Amino acid sequence: MHHRKSIRLKGYDYSQAGLYFITICTHQRECLFGTIEHDEMQLNDIGIVANTCWMDIPKHFPNAVLHAHIIMPNHVHGIIELTMDGDVGVVGDVGDVGIVGAENFLPLQSETPLPTHTPQSSVRAEDFLPQPPKRHEFQQMIPRSIGSIVKGFKIGVTKWCRNTLTEEFPSQRIVWQRNYYEHIIRNQQAYDTISEYILNNPKKWEEDKFHL
């Protein structure tokens, strides 16, 4: 058997209710989704499709509620809330191209309010960014889990690229990085910090660790 690295938390059930900060990168961090101009994300056709697929997640996964998200040139950041009762929804309104703006963002609306305390003296955005992979088994692909949601999102974008942009995206071209990153949001302070980081990501693109 092949032993592969996983960044999933060993033994954690990623289908249980909670809030998750998700980061999905393109293959080799290729800027497929558009450009940053004047500190704002300008989506190209692929970026618009990626945003549409993200916003459509609750249609395919009734237990998923979307919070703040952003489509960046070569990655996607977003907060997904999993519920147990099948609620479908999006926290915040959507602009013309589907990017959630700070003026449209609403406070956390989780069924179970997150604790406000944190063991850290302060919470920084860097604390929630992707970390080096750890060695343990891959999570089993559980229906309605974070893993299955990310897989479905990736497939939707990839299919559109290959069906529509046939010359630019032949079957052998890889669209996405093999894995994805997540952080389990455990308290209100972390939620607020991550939400602010997501919404301000375009303004700090030059400093972003994913910027090439």
Protein backbone atom coordinates (compact mmCIF):
# COMPACT_ATOMS: atom_id res chain seq x y z
CA MET A 1 0.00 0.00 0.00
CA HIS A 2 1.11 3.55 -0.66
CA HIS A 3 1.61 5.66 2.43
CA ARG A 4 0.55 9.24 1.76
CA LYS A 5 0.72 12.35 3.88
CA SER A 6 -2.46 13.91 5.21
CA ILE A 7 -3.17 17.28 6.75
CA ARG A 8 -6.43 16.08 8.28
CA LEU A 9 -6.67 15.89 12.07
CA LYS A 10 -6.35 12.22 12.98
CA GLY A 11 -9.55 10.72 14.31
CA TYR A 12 -11.62 13.87 13.74
CA ASP A 13 -15.06 13.51 12.15
CA TYR A 14 -15.18 16.19 9.45
CA SER A 15 -18.89 15.59 8.90
CA GLN A 16 -19.88 16.81 12.37
CA ALA A 17 -21.43 20.20 13.01
CA GLY A 18 -18.99 23.07 13.26
CA LEU A 19 -17.24 25.84 11.37
CA TYR A 20 -14.27 25.18 9.11
CA PHE A 21 -11.84 27.57 7.44
CA ILE A 22 -11.01 26.08 4.04
CA THR A 23 -8.15 26.93 1.67
CA ILE A 24 -7.97 25.31 -1.78
CA CYS A 25 -5.04 26.06 -4.11
CA THR A 26 -4.63 25.69 -7.85
CA HIS A 27 -2.03 23.33 -9.25
CA GLN A 28 1.43 24.85 -8.84
CA ARG A 29 -0.33 28.02 -7.67
CA GLU A 30 -1.16 29.02 -11.20
CA CYS A 31 -3.25 32.22 -11.33
CA LEU A 32 -6.33 30.83 -13.07
CA PHE A 33 -9.10 32.92 -11.55
CA GLY A 34 -8.19 36.52 -12.39
CA THR A 35 -6.06 39.36 -11.09
CA ILE A 36 -5.84 41.82 -8.23
CA GLU A 37 -6.35 45.39 -9.41
CA HIS A 38 -6.50 48.37 -7.05
CA ASP A 39 -6.72 46.01 -4.07
CA GLU A 40 -9.80 44.27 -5.47
CA MET A 41 -10.21 40.84 -7.03
CA GLN A 42 -11.18 40.94 -10.70
CA LEU A 43 -12.57 37.57 -11.70
CA ASN A 44 -12.07 36.16 -15.18
CA ASP A 45 -14.43 33.54 -16.65
CA ILE A 46 -12.89 30.68 -14.69
CA GLY A 47 -12.99 32.75 -11.51
CA ILE A 48 -16.67 33.51 -12.00
CA VAL A 49 -17.37 29.80 -12.49
CA ALA A 50 -15.34 28.95 -9.37
CA ASN A 51 -17.33 31.50 -7.41
CA THR A 52 -20.62 30.13 -8.76
CA CYS A 53 -19.63 26.57 -7.85
CA TRP A 54 -18.76 27.75 -4.35
CA MET A 55 -22.07 29.55 -3.91
CA ASP A 56 -23.89 26.44 -5.17
CA ILE A 57 -22.43 24.23 -2.42
CA PRO A 58 -25.61 24.39 -0.27
CA LYS A 59 -27.66 23.16 -3.25
CA HIS A 60 -25.69 19.92 -3.28
CA PHE A 61 -24.95 19.68 0.45
CA PRO A 62 -28.05 20.70 2.48
CA ASN A 63 -26.06 20.61 5.72
CA ALA A 64 -23.64 23.33 4.54
CA VAL A 65 -24.00 27.04 5.31
CA LEU A 66 -21.57 29.45 3.67
CA HIS A 67 -19.94 32.32 5.51
CA ALA A 68 -17.23 34.72 4.26
CA HIS A 69 -15.27 33.61 1.20
CA ILE A 70 -13.00 35.00 -1.48
CA ILE A 71 -11.79 33.74 -4.84
CA MET A 72 -8.15 34.81 -5.18
CA PRO A 73 -5.98 34.52 -8.32
CA ASN A 74 -4.64 31.07 -7.37
CA HIS A 75 -6.57 29.94 -4.32
CA VAL A 76 -9.93 30.01 -2.57
CA HIS A 77 -10.56 30.91 1.06
CA GLY A 78 -13.90 30.27 2.71
CA ILE A 79 -15.68 29.41 5.93
CA ILE A 80 -18.15 26.54 5.74
CA GLU A 81 -20.51 25.73 8.58
CA LEU A 82 -21.85 22.19 8.81
CA THR A 83 -25.21 21.78 10.54
CA MET A 84 -27.08 18.70 11.64
CA ASP A 85 -30.57 19.73 10.53
CA GLY A 86 -29.93 20.30 6.83
CA ASP A 87 -30.28 24.09 6.89
CA VAL A 88 -29.26 25.71 3.63
CA GLY A 89 -28.00 29.23 3.52
CA VAL A 90 -25.40 31.89 2.93
CA VAL A 91 -24.39 34.33 5.65
CA GLY A 92 -24.08 37.69 3.89
CA ASP A 93 -25.26 39.06 0.57
CA VAL A 94 -23.50 38.54 -2.74
CA GLY A 95 -22.19 41.20 -5.08
CA ASP A 96 -22.34 41.30 -8.87
CA VAL A 97 -19.54 38.76 -9.27
CA GLY A 98 -20.31 36.83 -6.14
CA ILE A 99 -17.57 38.15 -3.87
CA VAL A 100 -18.77 38.73 -0.33
CA GLY A 101 -17.84 42.29 0.64
CA ALA A 102 -17.14 43.58 4.13
CA GLU A 103 -20.20 45.84 3.96
CA ASN A 104 -22.40 42.79 3.31
CA PHE A 105 -20.87 40.54 5.91
CA LEU A 106 -23.08 39.52 8.81
CA PRO A 107 -21.99 38.33 12.27
CA LEU A 108 -21.68 34.66 13.06
CA GLN A 109 -25.06 32.92 13.01
CA SER A 110 -24.27 29.47 14.29
CA GLU A 111 -26.80 27.29 16.09
CA THR A 112 -24.36 26.86 18.97
CA PRO A 113 -22.51 30.12 19.76
CA LEU A 114 -18.76 29.69 19.86
CA PRO A 115 -16.90 30.42 23.10
CA THR A 116 -15.26 33.82 23.21
CA HIS A 117 -12.19 32.82 25.19
CA THR A 118 -9.01 31.51 23.65
CA PRO A 119 -5.91 29.96 25.25
CA GLN A 120 -3.78 32.43 23.27
CA SER A 121 -3.19 36.00 24.43
CA SER A 122 -4.08 37.13 20.90
CA VAL A 123 -5.23 35.48 17.70
CA ARG A 124 -3.46 36.26 14.43
CA ALA A 125 -4.51 35.40 10.90
CA GLU A 126 -1.20 33.56 10.43
CA ASP A 127 -2.30 31.08 13.07
CA PHE A 128 -4.95 29.75 10.70
CA LEU A 129 -3.07 29.61 7.41
CA PRO A 130 -2.03 26.27 5.88
CA GLN A 131 0.59 24.41 7.84
CA PRO A 132 3.07 21.75 6.61
CA PRO A 133 1.41 18.34 6.16
CA LYS A 134 1.50 15.92 9.06
CA ARG A 135 1.95 12.17 8.78
CA HIS A 136 -1.20 10.22 9.44
CA GLU A 137 -3.93 8.39 7.54
CA PHE A 138 -6.23 10.17 5.12
CA GLN A 139 -9.76 10.64 6.38
CA GLN A 140 -12.32 8.32 4.88
CA MET A 141 -14.52 10.13 2.37
CA ILE A 142 -17.68 10.56 4.43
CA PRO A 143 -20.86 11.80 2.71
CA ARG A 144 -21.74 15.43 3.54
CA SER A 145 -18.33 15.95 5.11
CA ILE A 146 -15.89 18.78 4.44
CA GLY A 147 -13.84 16.40 2.30
CA SER A 148 -16.79 15.48 0.09
CA ILE A 149 -17.79 19.15 -0.25
CA VAL A 150 -14.31 20.18 -1.37
CA LYS A 151 -14.15 17.25 -3.78
CA GLY A 152 -17.49 18.21 -5.35
CA PHE A 153 -16.42 21.85 -5.68
CA LYS A 154 -13.15 20.90 -7.36
CA ILE A 155 -14.90 18.54 -9.78
CA GLY A 156 -17.42 21.22 -10.78
CA VAL A 157 -14.73 23.75 -11.69
CA THR A 158 -12.56 21.16 -13.44
CA LYS A 159 -15.46 19.88 -15.57
CA TRP A 160 -16.32 23.38 -16.72
CA CYS A 161 -12.71 24.11 -17.68
CA ARG A 162 -12.35 20.89 -19.67
CA ASN A 163 -15.76 21.10 -21.33
CA THR A 164 -15.60 24.79 -22.20
CA LEU A 165 -11.91 25.62 -22.60
CA THR A 166 -11.00 22.44 -24.43
CA GLU A 167 -7.74 23.70 -25.91
CA GLU A 168 -6.44 25.35 -22.75
CA PHE A 169 -7.54 22.50 -20.47
CA PRO A 170 -7.00 19.10 -22.10
CA SER A 171 -7.74 16.08 -19.94
CA GLN A 172 -4.14 15.77 -18.77
CA ARG A 173 -3.95 19.32 -17.41
CA ILE A 174 -4.38 19.50 -13.65
CA VAL A 175 -6.50 22.33 -12.30
CA TRP A 176 -6.19 21.89 -8.54
CA GLN A 177 -3.53 21.09 -6.00
CA ARG A 178 -4.06 17.51 -4.84
CA ASN A 179 -5.10 18.30 -1.28
CA TYR A 180 -6.70 21.18 0.56
CA TYR A 181 -6.23 22.83 3.94
CA GLU A 182 -8.65 23.39 6.77
CA HIS A 183 -8.74 24.83 10.25
CA ILE A 184 -11.47 23.97 12.76
CA ILE A 185 -12.83 27.25 14.14
CA ARG A 186 -13.33 26.81 17.87
CA ASN A 187 -14.20 30.26 19.22
CA GLN A 188 -15.63 33.64 18.28
CA GLN A 189 -12.29 35.43 18.33
CA ALA A 190 -10.85 33.00 15.80
CA TYR A 191 -13.96 33.34 13.66
CA ASP A 192 -13.73 37.12 13.63
CA THR A 193 -10.00 37.10 12.83
CA ILE A 194 -10.38 34.59 9.99
CA SER A 195 -13.37 36.44 8.52
CA GLU A 196 -11.45 39.71 8.50
CA TYR A 197 -8.45 37.99 6.91
CA ILE A 198 -10.62 36.53 4.13
CA LEU A 199 -12.33 39.81 3.33
CA ASN A 200 -9.06 41.78 3.33
CA ASN A 201 -7.07 39.19 1.38
CA PRO A 202 -7.02 41.14 -1.93
CA LYS A 203 -5.60 44.23 -0.20
CA LYS A 204 -2.66 42.18 1.07
CA TRP A 205 -2.05 40.12 -2.08
CA GLU A 206 1.57 41.27 -2.44
CA GLU A 207 2.29 39.95 1.06
CA ASP A 208 0.27 36.76 0.66
CA LYS A 209 2.16 33.48 1.09
CA PHE A 210 0.41 32.18 -2.04
CA HIS A 211 1.60 35.11 -4.16
CA LEU A 212 4.18 34.08 -6.74
